[in-house]
Amino acid sequence: MKELTVGTIGFRTILICWERKSENYLASLYLASSIIAFNFF
């Protein structure tokens, strides 16, 4: 389900980890999740 949602919206940075630091990846994951939740409601 997560891959379908993220792939549909087009967050490729979440599917492929381009960031060198795990903190940056986690921040982009939080940002994408909040955008998905905001668009859902």
C-alpha atoms as a PDB file:
ATOM      1  CA  MET A   1       0.000   0.000   0.000  1.00  0.00           C
ATOM      2  CA  LYS A   2       2.777   2.428   0.886  1.00  0.00           C
ATOM      3  CA  GLU A   3       4.611   1.843  -2.398  1.00  0.00           C
ATOM      4  CA  LEU A   4       1.434   2.396  -4.402  1.00  0.00           C
ATOM      5  CA  THR A   5       0.586   5.644  -2.623  1.00  0.00           C
ATOM      6  CA  VAL A   6       4.082   7.074  -2.793  1.00  0.00           C
ATOM      7  CA  GLY A   7       4.566   5.931  -6.391  1.00  0.00           C
ATOM      8  CA  THR A   8       1.281   7.438  -7.504  1.00  0.00           C
ATOM      9  CA  ILE A   9       2.108  10.847  -6.097  1.00  0.00           C
ATOM     10  CA  GLY A  10       5.651  10.702  -7.437  1.00  0.00           C
ATOM     11  CA  PHE A  11       7.927  10.888  -4.415  1.00  0.00           C
ATOM     12  CA  ARG A  12      10.867   9.059  -5.944  1.00  0.00           C
ATOM     13  CA  THR A  13      13.224  10.230  -3.201  1.00  0.00           C
ATOM     14  CA  ILE A  14      11.254   8.077  -0.781  1.00  0.00           C
ATOM     15  CA  LEU A  15      11.404   4.949  -2.919  1.00  0.00           C
ATOM     16  CA  ILE A  16      15.094   5.383  -3.739  1.00  0.00           C
ATOM     17  CA  CYS A  17      17.198   6.653  -0.883  1.00  0.00           C
ATOM     18  CA  TRP A  18      19.361   9.383  -2.449  1.00  0.00           C
ATOM     19  CA  GLU A  19      20.274  11.026   0.834  1.00  0.00           C
ATOM     20  CA  ARG A  20      23.593  10.225   2.472  1.00  0.00           C
ATOM     21  CA  LYS A  21      22.388  10.870   5.997  1.00  0.00           C
ATOM     22  CA  SER A  22      19.546   8.908   7.500  1.00  0.00           C
ATOM     23  CA  GLU A  23      18.194  12.087   9.122  1.00  0.00           C
ATOM     24  CA  ASN A  24      17.622  13.660   5.706  1.00  0.00           C
ATOM     25  CA  TYR A  25      15.843  10.544   4.464  1.00  0.00           C
ATOM     26  CA  LEU A  26      13.641  10.509   7.546  1.00  0.00           C
ATOM     27  CA  ALA A  27      12.824  14.199   7.081  1.00  0.00           C
ATOM     28  CA  SER A  28      11.784  13.632   3.462  1.00  0.00           C
ATOM     29  CA  LEU A  29       9.708  10.637   4.567  1.00  0.00           C
ATOM     30  CA  TYR A  30       7.916  12.803   7.147  1.00  0.00           C
ATOM     31  CA  LEU A  31       7.361  15.533   4.577  1.00  0.00           C
ATOM     32  CA  ALA A  32       5.910  13.124   2.025  1.00  0.00           C
ATOM     33  CA  SER A  33       3.692  11.523   4.663  1.00  0.00           C
ATOM     34  CA  SER A  34       2.347  14.883   5.767  1.00  0.00           C
ATOM     35  CA  ILE A  35       1.620  15.915   2.171  1.00  0.00           C
ATOM     36  CA  ILE A  36      -0.208  12.626   1.573  1.00  0.00           C
ATOM     37  CA  ALA A  37      -2.220  13.047   4.783  1.00  0.00           C
ATOM     38  CA  PHE A  38      -3.033  16.680   3.966  1.00  0.00           C
ATOM     39  CA  ASN A  39      -4.252  15.755   0.478  1.00  0.00           C
ATOM     40  CA  PHE A  40      -6.255  12.827   1.856  1.00  0.00           C
ATOM     41  CA  PHE A  41      -8.288  14.943   4.270  1.00  0.00           C
END
